[in-house]
Each structure stands twice: as C-alpha cells, then as structure tokens.
Amino acid sequence: MLGLPAAKRAYGSFDQTVLGESNSTLLAKPTTLSGRKTTKTIRVAGIPGSLSVKSDTQGLIRAATQLRIDGLVVDPIDITKLPMINVDDDHVLPPEVVAFMKQVYVADAILFAAPEYNNSVTPITKNAIDWLSMMPQTLAGKTAAIISTEWDLGGARVQYHLRQIGVRLDLHFINKPEVPVSTSRRATPSKV
C-alpha cells in the first residue's frame, strides 16, 4: 500500500484539483429548493487502472472515497468484470458494460487512478475507455483528473497518454496540478 506521505499528497492534490479550479464547470452551484439554498453534490467516478484490490491505484480510489469535502462524492467504479472489447461481436453490449457506462454517464467528473505499465496506460484502463467510447456521450464534455503511480517517475508518461486519448473522446483533463505518486517497490516477476 501507499505510505502516508503519498496518501496525504493525493488527498491535497485531488481536493485542489477538483474543487480549487476557479474556471472549472464543476464548481458546486447553489440552487434553491423549497426556499432553502442548497449546493449540488458533485459525483466523481473513480476508475482504477488495475485489477488487483491490493494495488496502489485501487488504494488511491479508496482513499479518494474517504475524502470529506462538502459537495463532493467519489464513487468507486469496478472495472474488473469488463470483458475485453471486441468490435466484431454483435452490437448488443454485455450487461456489465451497460452498467459500467451508466455509472460513468451519471457522474459529473472522472478520476483516473492510473498505474504506468511499459511507459503507457494499462490494458485494463484502455479497455474501460474503449468500452466507454462505444457511447461517446458517456465521456463527452466531462472534466477528468489523473492520479498516476509508477515506481520511478510516478507515472508521468501515463498522464500524457491518457490526455492524448481524452482528446478524441472530448474529455477535459485538469492540467494542474499533476499528481504522480512514486511507489516504493518495483514489481518483480514470479518464478516460472
């Protein structure tokens, strides 16, 4: 798991990223309800880039769900059951994909917790994005933020690749602050 300094860094940066952007379309706007002034709750879909429940990115999403910020709720999204996309299949979407699309569609914003594999996004992250691209309205115009992990550079390269992918999908990534989290361990292959 991540150490306390990395978690604190992720908390502060996420808070500043989502709520501190003065030009963001996500700022909670007061509304009137029965004569009382209320604030709209911003729902953020937290998408981890790893299947492992013990991964750093799953831990970052869990940490984000624990944030206690008025007007902000992070909903963890389970992508472990998504099948690999195959556009040759019939045009009927699998039920787990439909449920995933609905969760992202109703969210106001997206938080990607993305590990860097081989200088890019993980296959599970790309698969989730590819499924969402089948219904462009699930992502179009949404604000997105990235927390990346990697053992040496904190996942800086995956951030740039996600931003490139987001252009085609009309995702609006928050540019600053970038939140790379260097992990203290390097993955070692198992013995064969």
C-alpha atoms as a PDB file:
ATOM      1  CA  MET A   1       0.000   0.000   0.000  1.00  0.00           C
ATOM      2  CA  LEU A   2       0.983   3.608  -0.312  1.00  0.00           C
ATOM      3  CA  GLY A   3       2.752   5.288   2.522  1.00  0.00           C
ATOM      4  CA  LEU A   4       1.097   8.082   4.490  1.00  0.00           C
ATOM      5  CA  PRO A   5       3.041  10.865   2.702  1.00  0.00           C
ATOM      6  CA  ALA A   6       1.809   9.679  -0.695  1.00  0.00           C
ATOM      7  CA  ALA A   7      -1.772   9.422   0.537  1.00  0.00           C
ATOM      8  CA  LYS A   8      -1.653  12.925   2.014  1.00  0.00           C
ATOM      9  CA  ARG A   9      -0.216  14.206  -1.239  1.00  0.00           C
ATOM     10  CA  ALA A  10      -3.023  12.543  -3.179  1.00  0.00           C
ATOM     11  CA  TYR A  11      -5.676  13.932  -0.809  1.00  0.00           C
ATOM     12  CA  GLY A  12      -4.476  17.517  -1.014  1.00  0.00           C
ATOM     13  CA  SER A  13      -3.922  17.454  -4.750  1.00  0.00           C
ATOM     14  CA  PHE A  14      -7.271  15.857  -5.501  1.00  0.00           C
ATOM     15  CA  ASP A  15      -9.040  18.413  -3.332  1.00  0.00           C
ATOM     16  CA  GLN A  16      -7.229  21.288  -5.048  1.00  0.00           C
ATOM     17  CA  THR A  17      -7.700  19.761  -8.475  1.00  0.00           C
ATOM     18  CA  VAL A  18     -11.439  19.161  -8.373  1.00  0.00           C
ATOM     19  CA  LEU A  19     -12.633  21.950  -6.109  1.00  0.00           C
ATOM     20  CA  GLY A  20      -9.911  24.574  -6.407  1.00  0.00           C
ATOM     21  CA  GLU A  21     -10.169  25.260 -10.126  1.00  0.00           C
ATOM     22  CA  SER A  22     -11.925  28.606 -10.434  1.00  0.00           C
ATOM     23  CA  ASN A  23     -12.674  28.069 -14.122  1.00  0.00           C
ATOM     24  CA  SER A  24     -13.994  24.548 -13.646  1.00  0.00           C
ATOM     25  CA  THR A  25     -17.512  23.762 -14.756  1.00  0.00           C
ATOM     26  CA  LEU A  26     -17.770  21.509 -11.730  1.00  0.00           C
ATOM     27  CA  LEU A  27     -17.884  24.130  -9.033  1.00  0.00           C
ATOM     28  CA  ALA A  28     -20.838  23.441  -6.827  1.00  0.00           C
ATOM     29  CA  LYS A  29     -23.558  25.889  -7.764  1.00  0.00           C
ATOM     30  CA  PRO A  30     -26.124  26.963  -5.188  1.00  0.00           C
ATOM     31  CA  THR A  31     -29.674  26.076  -6.104  1.00  0.00           C
ATOM     32  CA  THR A  32     -32.957  26.865  -4.437  1.00  0.00           C
ATOM     33  CA  LEU A  33     -35.039  24.009  -3.131  1.00  0.00           C
ATOM     34  CA  SER A  34     -38.233  24.776  -1.224  1.00  0.00           C
ATOM     35  CA  GLY A  35     -36.959  28.251  -0.412  1.00  0.00           C
ATOM     36  CA  ARG A  36     -33.689  26.890   1.039  1.00  0.00           C
ATOM     37  CA  LYS A  37     -30.345  27.362  -0.608  1.00  0.00           C
ATOM     38  CA  THR A  38     -28.605  24.049  -1.299  1.00  0.00           C
ATOM     39  CA  THR A  39     -25.420  23.034  -3.059  1.00  0.00           C
ATOM     40  CA  LYS A  40     -25.321  20.450  -5.838  1.00  0.00           C
ATOM     41  CA  THR A  41     -23.286  17.372  -4.991  1.00  0.00           C
ATOM     42  CA  ILE A  42     -20.528  16.667  -7.499  1.00  0.00           C
ATOM     43  CA  ARG A  43     -20.285  12.964  -8.248  1.00  0.00           C
ATOM     44  CA  VAL A  44     -16.899  11.715  -9.410  1.00  0.00           C
ATOM     45  CA  ALA A  45     -16.468   8.280 -10.982  1.00  0.00           C
ATOM     46  CA  GLY A  46     -13.249   6.816  -9.573  1.00  0.00           C
ATOM     47  CA  ILE A  47     -11.730   4.458 -12.141  1.00  0.00           C
ATOM     48  CA  PRO A  48      -8.701   2.432 -11.012  1.00  0.00           C
ATOM     49  CA  GLY A  49      -6.283   1.156 -13.622  1.00  0.00           C
ATOM     50  CA  SER A  50      -5.568  -2.184 -12.004  1.00  0.00           C
ATOM     51  CA  LEU A  51      -7.487  -5.372 -11.332  1.00  0.00           C
ATOM     52  CA  SER A  52      -5.692  -6.101  -8.055  1.00  0.00           C
ATOM     53  CA  VAL A  53      -7.557  -4.958  -4.940  1.00  0.00           C
ATOM     54  CA  LYS A  54      -4.147  -4.532  -3.268  1.00  0.00           C
ATOM     55  CA  SER A  55      -2.821  -2.217  -5.986  1.00  0.00           C
ATOM     56  CA  ASP A  56      -1.759   1.348  -5.350  1.00  0.00           C
ATOM     57  CA  THR A  57      -4.386   2.679  -7.753  1.00  0.00           C
ATOM     58  CA  GLN A  58      -7.213   0.801  -6.059  1.00  0.00           C
ATOM     59  CA  GLY A  59      -5.870   2.203  -2.765  1.00  0.00           C
ATOM     60  CA  LEU A  60      -5.891   5.741  -4.167  1.00  0.00           C
ATOM     61  CA  ILE A  61      -9.516   5.378  -5.266  1.00  0.00           C
ATOM     62  CA  ARG A  62     -10.425   4.017  -1.810  1.00  0.00           C
ATOM     63  CA  ALA A  63      -8.606   6.986  -0.235  1.00  0.00           C
ATOM     64  CA  ALA A  64     -10.468   9.414  -2.509  1.00  0.00           C
ATOM     65  CA  THR A  65     -13.800   7.907  -1.426  1.00  0.00           C
ATOM     66  CA  GLN A  66     -12.900   8.757   2.168  1.00  0.00           C
ATOM     67  CA  LEU A  67     -12.454  12.472   1.435  1.00  0.00           C
ATOM     68  CA  ARG A  68     -14.824  14.585   3.463  1.00  0.00           C
ATOM     69  CA  ILE A  69     -15.341  17.599   1.235  1.00  0.00           C
ATOM     70  CA  ASP A  70     -18.727  19.297   1.180  1.00  0.00           C
ATOM     71  CA  GLY A  71     -20.378  18.861  -2.182  1.00  0.00           C
ATOM     72  CA  LEU A  72     -18.023  16.116  -3.455  1.00  0.00           C
ATOM     73  CA  VAL A  73     -18.568  12.358  -3.544  1.00  0.00           C
ATOM     74  CA  VAL A  74     -16.190   9.891  -5.202  1.00  0.00           C
ATOM     75  CA  ASP A  75     -17.907   6.702  -6.332  1.00  0.00           C
ATOM     76  CA  PRO A  76     -15.519   3.785  -6.933  1.00  0.00           C
ATOM     77  CA  ILE A  77     -16.183   2.055 -10.235  1.00  0.00           C
ATOM     78  CA  ASP A  78     -15.473  -1.669 -10.532  1.00  0.00           C
ATOM     79  CA  ILE A  79     -13.916  -2.446 -13.901  1.00  0.00           C
ATOM     80  CA  THR A  80     -12.762  -5.959 -13.016  1.00  0.00           C
ATOM     81  CA  LYS A  81     -15.731  -7.639 -14.688  1.00  0.00           C
ATOM     82  CA  LEU A  82     -15.492  -5.828 -18.023  1.00  0.00           C
ATOM     83  CA  PRO A  83     -14.789  -8.242 -20.875  1.00  0.00           C
ATOM     84  CA  MET A  84     -12.098  -7.359 -23.364  1.00  0.00           C
ATOM     85  CA  ILE A  85     -13.652  -5.268 -26.101  1.00  0.00           C
ATOM     86  CA  ASN A  86     -14.214  -6.955 -29.447  1.00  0.00           C
ATOM     87  CA  VAL A  87     -15.874  -4.804 -32.061  1.00  0.00           C
ATOM     88  CA  ASP A  88     -16.560  -7.899 -34.197  1.00  0.00           C
ATOM     89  CA  ASP A  89     -19.096  -9.081 -31.631  1.00  0.00           C
ATOM     90  CA  ASP A  90     -22.736  -8.301 -32.274  1.00  0.00           C
ATOM     91  CA  HIS A  91     -23.900  -4.810 -31.416  1.00  0.00           C
ATOM     92  CA  VAL A  92     -25.543  -5.847 -28.168  1.00  0.00           C
ATOM     93  CA  LEU A  93     -23.478  -4.612 -25.245  1.00  0.00           C
ATOM     94  CA  PRO A  94     -22.851  -7.053 -22.380  1.00  0.00           C
ATOM     95  CA  PRO A  95     -24.858  -6.212 -19.212  1.00  0.00           C
ATOM     96  CA  GLU A  96     -21.702  -5.450 -17.174  1.00  0.00           C
ATOM     97  CA  VAL A  97     -20.629  -2.943 -19.832  1.00  0.00           C
ATOM     98  CA  VAL A  98     -24.052  -1.273 -19.827  1.00  0.00           C
ATOM     99  CA  ALA A  99     -23.931  -0.974 -16.021  1.00  0.00           C
ATOM    100  CA  PHE A 100     -20.400   0.498 -16.228  1.00  0.00           C
ATOM    101  CA  MET A 101     -21.459   3.008 -18.878  1.00  0.00           C
ATOM    102  CA  LYS A 102     -24.429   4.119 -16.766  1.00  0.00           C
ATOM    103  CA  GLN A 103     -22.201   4.681 -13.721  1.00  0.00           C
ATOM    104  CA  VAL A 104     -19.837   6.874 -15.720  1.00  0.00           C
ATOM    105  CA  TYR A 105     -22.636   8.648 -17.597  1.00  0.00           C
ATOM    106  CA  VAL A 106     -24.339   9.876 -14.405  1.00  0.00           C
ATOM    107  CA  ALA A 107     -21.046  11.106 -12.915  1.00  0.00           C
ATOM    108  CA  ASP A 108     -20.135  14.775 -13.200  1.00  0.00           C
ATOM    109  CA  ALA A 109     -16.407  14.057 -13.473  1.00  0.00           C
ATOM    110  CA  ILE A 110     -13.916  11.201 -13.678  1.00  0.00           C
ATOM    111  CA  LEU A 111     -10.876  10.439 -11.550  1.00  0.00           C
ATOM    112  CA  PHE A 112      -8.444   8.040 -13.194  1.00  0.00           C
ATOM    113  CA  ALA A 113      -6.024   6.342 -10.810  1.00  0.00           C
ATOM    114  CA  ALA A 114      -3.633   5.076 -13.429  1.00  0.00           C
ATOM    115  CA  PRO A 115      -0.550   2.945 -12.992  1.00  0.00           C
ATOM    116  CA  GLU A 116       2.075   3.190 -15.689  1.00  0.00           C
ATOM    117  CA  TYR A 117       2.944  -0.055 -17.464  1.00  0.00           C
ATOM    118  CA  ASN A 118       5.655  -0.076 -20.118  1.00  0.00           C
ATOM    119  CA  ASN A 119       5.562   3.737 -20.350  1.00  0.00           C
ATOM    120  CA  SER A 120       1.826   3.841 -21.094  1.00  0.00           C
ATOM    121  CA  VAL A 121      -1.669   3.007 -19.857  1.00  0.00           C
ATOM    122  CA  THR A 122      -2.562  -0.442 -18.613  1.00  0.00           C
ATOM    123  CA  PRO A 123      -4.626  -2.743 -20.808  1.00  0.00           C
ATOM    124  CA  ILE A 124      -7.457  -2.657 -18.238  1.00  0.00           C
ATOM    125  CA  THR A 125      -7.573   1.171 -18.365  1.00  0.00           C
ATOM    126  CA  LYS A 126      -7.559   1.230 -22.156  1.00  0.00           C
ATOM    127  CA  ASN A 127     -10.215  -1.480 -22.286  1.00  0.00           C
ATOM    128  CA  ALA A 128     -12.507   0.534 -19.990  1.00  0.00           C
ATOM    129  CA  ILE A 129     -12.004   3.675 -22.071  1.00  0.00           C
ATOM    130  CA  ASP A 130     -12.581   1.755 -25.297  1.00  0.00           C
ATOM    131  CA  TRP A 131     -15.907   0.428 -23.985  1.00  0.00           C
ATOM    132  CA  LEU A 132     -16.937   3.957 -22.981  1.00  0.00           C
ATOM    133  CA  SER A 133     -16.051   5.228 -26.453  1.00  0.00           C
ATOM    134  CA  MET A 134     -18.779   2.973 -27.872  1.00  0.00           C
ATOM    135  CA  MET A 135     -21.257   5.518 -26.450  1.00  0.00           C
ATOM    136  CA  PRO A 136     -19.408   8.843 -26.790  1.00  0.00           C
ATOM    137  CA  GLN A 137     -21.928  10.749 -24.660  1.00  0.00           C
ATOM    138  CA  THR A 138     -20.683   8.888 -21.563  1.00  0.00           C
ATOM    139  CA  LEU A 139     -17.426  10.890 -21.655  1.00  0.00           C
ATOM    140  CA  ALA A 140     -18.018  13.899 -23.900  1.00  0.00           C
ATOM    141  CA  GLY A 141     -17.509  17.192 -22.136  1.00  0.00           C
ATOM    142  CA  LYS A 142     -16.687  15.674 -18.731  1.00  0.00           C
ATOM    143  CA  THR A 143     -13.945  17.024 -16.532  1.00  0.00           C
ATOM    144  CA  ALA A 144     -11.295  14.449 -15.632  1.00  0.00           C
ATOM    145  CA  ALA A 145      -8.330  14.262 -13.275  1.00  0.00           C
ATOM    146  CA  ILE A 146      -5.468  11.789 -13.074  1.00  0.00           C
ATOM    147  CA  ILE A 147      -3.509  10.352 -10.181  1.00  0.00           C
ATOM    148  CA  SER A 148      -0.755   8.166 -11.579  1.00  0.00           C
ATOM    149  CA  THR A 149       1.606   5.671  -9.987  1.00  0.00           C
ATOM    150  CA  GLU A 150       4.861   4.105 -11.047  1.00  0.00           C
ATOM    151  CA  TRP A 151       7.998   3.078  -9.237  1.00  0.00           C
ATOM    152  CA  ASP A 152      10.441   5.622 -10.675  1.00  0.00           C
ATOM    153  CA  LEU A 153       8.738   8.659 -12.235  1.00  0.00           C
ATOM    154  CA  GLY A 154       5.358   8.355 -10.572  1.00  0.00           C
ATOM    155  CA  GLY A 155       3.570   7.664 -13.835  1.00  0.00           C
ATOM    156  CA  ALA A 156       4.217  10.931 -15.655  1.00  0.00           C
ATOM    157  CA  ARG A 157       4.135   9.212 -19.053  1.00  0.00           C
ATOM    158  CA  VAL A 158       0.745   7.568 -18.445  1.00  0.00           C
ATOM    159  CA  GLN A 159      -0.685  11.011 -17.676  1.00  0.00           C
ATOM    160  CA  TYR A 160       0.331  12.271 -21.113  1.00  0.00           C
ATOM    161  CA  HIS A 161      -1.051   9.180 -22.841  1.00  0.00           C
ATOM    162  CA  LEU A 162      -4.394   9.500 -21.052  1.00  0.00           C
ATOM    163  CA  ARG A 163      -4.576  13.147 -22.084  1.00  0.00           C
ATOM    164  CA  GLN A 164      -3.917  12.158 -25.716  1.00  0.00           C
ATOM    165  CA  ILE A 165      -6.662   9.529 -25.584  1.00  0.00           C
ATOM    166  CA  GLY A 166      -9.002  12.075 -23.985  1.00  0.00           C
ATOM    167  CA  VAL A 167      -8.760  14.470 -26.933  1.00  0.00           C
ATOM    168  CA  ARG A 168     -10.635  12.093 -29.229  1.00  0.00           C
ATOM    169  CA  LEU A 169     -13.254  11.449 -26.543  1.00  0.00           C
ATOM    170  CA  ASP A 170     -13.765  15.140 -25.656  1.00  0.00           C
ATOM    171  CA  LEU A 171     -12.602  14.639 -22.054  1.00  0.00           C
ATOM    172  CA  HIS A 172     -11.421  17.828 -20.384  1.00  0.00           C
ATOM    173  CA  PHE A 173      -8.456  16.946 -18.215  1.00  0.00           C
ATOM    174  CA  ILE A 174      -7.471  19.321 -15.456  1.00  0.00           C
ATOM    175  CA  ASN A 175      -3.916  20.305 -16.361  1.00  0.00           C
ATOM    176  CA  LYS A 176      -2.539  21.318 -12.973  1.00  0.00           C
ATOM    177  CA  PRO A 177      -1.568  20.093 -10.542  1.00  0.00           C
ATOM    178  CA  GLU A 178      -0.271  16.862 -11.987  1.00  0.00           C
ATOM    179  CA  VAL A 179      -0.331  14.152  -9.324  1.00  0.00           C
ATOM    180  CA  PRO A 180       2.317  11.470  -9.924  1.00  0.00           C
ATOM    181  CA  VAL A 181       2.850   9.132  -6.967  1.00  0.00           C
ATOM    182  CA  SER A 182       6.124   7.209  -6.892  1.00  0.00           C
ATOM    183  CA  THR A 183       5.710   3.817  -5.307  1.00  0.00           C
ATOM    184  CA  SER A 184       8.428   2.380  -3.139  1.00  0.00           C
ATOM    185  CA  ARG A 185       8.550  -1.003  -4.764  1.00  0.00           C
ATOM    186  CA  ARG A 186       9.256  -2.318  -8.197  1.00  0.00           C
ATOM    187  CA  ALA A 187       7.290  -5.268  -9.469  1.00  0.00           C
ATOM    188  CA  THR A 188       9.337  -8.416  -9.760  1.00  0.00           C
ATOM    189  CA  PRO A 189       8.317 -11.298 -11.967  1.00  0.00           C
ATOM    190  CA  SER A 190       7.302 -14.577 -10.373  1.00  0.00           C
ATOM    191  CA  LYS A 191       9.444 -17.628 -10.938  1.00  0.00           C
ATOM    192  CA  VAL A 192       8.254 -19.735 -13.823  1.00  0.00           C
END
